[in-house]
Amino acid sequence: MLRERFEADPSDRAAFELLEEQLFVAAEWADLVALYEAHQAAGAANRAPAEQSRLLLRMGQAIEEGLRDAARAAATYRSALELDPAFVPALRRLRGICIATGAFAEAIDLAAREAALAPSPEPAAALVE
């Protein structure tokens, strides 16, 4: 019944979240990725870029860890970063894949991007003085 509800309206957030949890717990990775894809496609126009990026991050994690498809996961993380270039969790996941696959130049670029986004320690140090 829940699956039918979601299939009738893939933008239904409550149905999506319940199915997401069920599929994750059952380790049904291919179905979970398909769920993410359907939900992403259905609500992309009405969803803030940061929210879309978080959804893409979770999809990338399911692809990377569940399906063991590093190339597809990297593409998904890149999509998240296109929507939100400052989304550090996607930067980190993509950097990890780059290191694991030997794409060291890209990993260095990603690390530099991440470092540029890190808060400066100077304001906190000024509070101590």
Protein backbone atom coordinates (compact mmCIF):
# COMPACT_ATOMS: atom_id res chain seq x y z
CA MET A 1 0.00 0.00 0.00
CA LEU A 2 2.82 2.41 0.85
CA ARG A 3 4.60 1.63 -2.40
CA GLU A 4 1.39 2.25 -4.35
CA ARG A 5 0.95 5.58 -2.56
CA PHE A 6 4.47 6.61 -3.51
CA GLU A 7 4.09 5.43 -7.10
CA ALA A 8 0.88 7.48 -7.39
CA ASP A 9 2.76 10.58 -6.16
CA PRO A 10 6.57 10.28 -6.08
CA SER A 11 6.76 13.75 -4.52
CA ASP A 12 4.87 12.49 -1.41
CA ARG A 13 7.52 13.16 1.24
CA ALA A 14 5.93 11.02 3.98
CA ALA A 15 5.62 7.98 1.72
CA PHE A 16 9.14 8.55 0.45
CA GLU A 17 10.64 8.71 3.95
CA LEU A 18 8.87 5.56 5.11
CA LEU A 19 9.89 3.62 2.00
CA GLU A 20 13.43 4.96 2.25
CA GLU A 21 13.76 3.61 5.77
CA GLN A 22 12.24 0.23 4.87
CA LEU A 23 14.51 -0.23 1.87
CA PHE A 24 17.60 0.91 3.77
CA VAL A 25 16.97 -1.47 6.67
CA ALA A 26 16.33 -4.32 4.22
CA ALA A 27 19.51 -3.40 2.29
CA GLU A 28 17.55 -3.32 -0.96
CA TRP A 29 20.01 -0.96 -2.61
CA ALA A 30 18.79 -1.04 -6.20
CA ASP A 31 15.22 -0.35 -5.08
CA LEU A 32 16.45 2.39 -2.75
CA VAL A 33 18.35 4.11 -5.56
CA ALA A 34 15.29 3.86 -7.81
CA LEU A 35 13.22 5.41 -5.02
CA TYR A 36 15.69 8.32 -4.73
CA GLU A 37 15.65 8.83 -8.49
CA ALA A 38 11.85 8.90 -8.66
CA HIS A 39 11.54 11.26 -5.70
CA GLN A 40 14.28 13.54 -7.04
CA ALA A 41 12.68 13.74 -10.49
CA ALA A 42 9.18 14.34 -9.11
CA GLY A 43 9.99 17.25 -6.85
CA ALA A 44 13.12 18.85 -8.26
CA ALA A 45 11.33 22.00 -9.43
CA ASN A 46 9.82 22.61 -5.98
CA ARG A 47 12.82 21.65 -3.87
CA ALA A 48 15.54 24.02 -2.68
CA PRO A 49 19.01 23.27 -4.10
CA ALA A 50 20.36 22.43 -0.63
CA GLU A 51 17.58 19.88 -0.10
CA GLN A 52 18.17 18.38 -3.55
CA SER A 53 21.87 18.11 -2.74
CA ARG A 54 21.13 16.23 0.50
CA LEU A 55 18.91 13.81 -1.40
CA LEU A 56 21.62 13.28 -4.01
CA LEU A 57 24.16 12.69 -1.23
CA ARG A 58 22.02 9.91 0.24
CA MET A 59 21.51 8.44 -3.21
CA GLY A 60 25.26 8.56 -3.83
CA GLN A 61 25.93 6.80 -0.56
CA ALA A 62 23.49 4.01 -1.47
CA ILE A 63 25.17 3.66 -4.86
CA GLU A 64 28.68 3.76 -3.41
CA GLU A 65 28.19 1.53 -0.38
CA GLY A 66 25.27 -0.64 -1.43
CA LEU A 67 25.74 -1.09 -5.16
CA ARG A 68 29.55 -0.70 -5.01
CA ASP A 69 29.53 1.53 -8.11
CA ALA A 70 32.14 4.21 -7.48
CA ALA A 71 31.82 5.86 -10.90
CA ARG A 72 28.05 6.25 -10.62
CA ALA A 73 28.35 7.46 -7.02
CA ALA A 74 30.95 10.04 -8.06
CA ALA A 75 28.62 11.31 -10.78
CA THR A 76 25.83 11.61 -8.20
CA TYR A 77 28.07 13.54 -5.79
CA ARG A 78 29.08 15.84 -8.67
CA SER A 79 25.39 16.49 -9.35
CA ALA A 80 24.93 17.43 -5.70
CA LEU A 81 27.86 19.82 -5.97
CA GLU A 82 26.46 21.41 -9.11
CA LEU A 83 23.39 22.36 -7.08
CA ASP A 84 25.32 23.39 -3.98
CA PRO A 85 29.07 23.90 -4.59
CA ALA A 86 29.65 24.44 -0.85
CA PHE A 87 28.09 21.13 0.23
CA VAL A 88 30.97 19.71 2.25
CA PRO A 89 29.60 16.16 2.76
CA ALA A 90 29.45 15.67 -1.03
CA LEU A 91 32.94 17.15 -1.40
CA ARG A 92 34.28 14.67 1.16
CA ARG A 93 32.56 11.64 -0.37
CA LEU A 94 33.73 12.57 -3.86
CA ARG A 95 37.27 13.20 -2.58
CA GLY A 96 37.27 9.74 -0.98
CA ILE A 97 36.30 8.13 -4.28
CA CYS A 98 38.96 10.12 -6.10
CA ILE A 99 41.63 8.94 -3.67
CA ALA A 100 40.44 5.33 -3.90
CA THR A 101 40.47 5.41 -7.70
CA GLY A 102 43.78 7.22 -8.03
CA ALA A 103 42.34 10.53 -9.30
CA PHE A 104 44.73 12.43 -7.07
CA ALA A 105 44.67 15.75 -8.95
CA GLU A 106 40.90 15.96 -8.53
CA ALA A 107 41.19 14.85 -4.90
CA ILE A 108 43.63 17.71 -4.26
CA ASP A 109 41.26 20.19 -5.95
CA LEU A 110 38.37 18.94 -3.83
CA ALA A 111 40.46 19.19 -0.64
CA ALA A 112 41.34 22.78 -1.53
CA ARG A 113 37.67 23.59 -2.11
CA GLU A 114 36.79 22.04 1.22
CA ALA A 115 39.57 23.93 3.01
CA ALA A 116 38.36 27.20 1.52
CA LEU A 117 34.93 26.52 3.01
CA ALA A 118 36.24 25.79 6.49
CA PRO A 119 35.58 28.51 9.06
CA SER A 120 38.57 30.59 9.95
CA PRO A 121 39.94 29.94 13.45
CA GLU A 122 40.83 33.63 13.86
CA PRO A 123 37.40 34.88 15.04
CA ALA A 124 37.26 32.17 17.70
CA ALA A 125 40.82 33.00 18.79
CA ALA A 126 39.85 36.68 19.13
CA LEU A 127 37.18 35.69 21.64
CA VAL A 128 39.79 34.09 23.89
CA GLU A 129 41.93 37.24 24.15
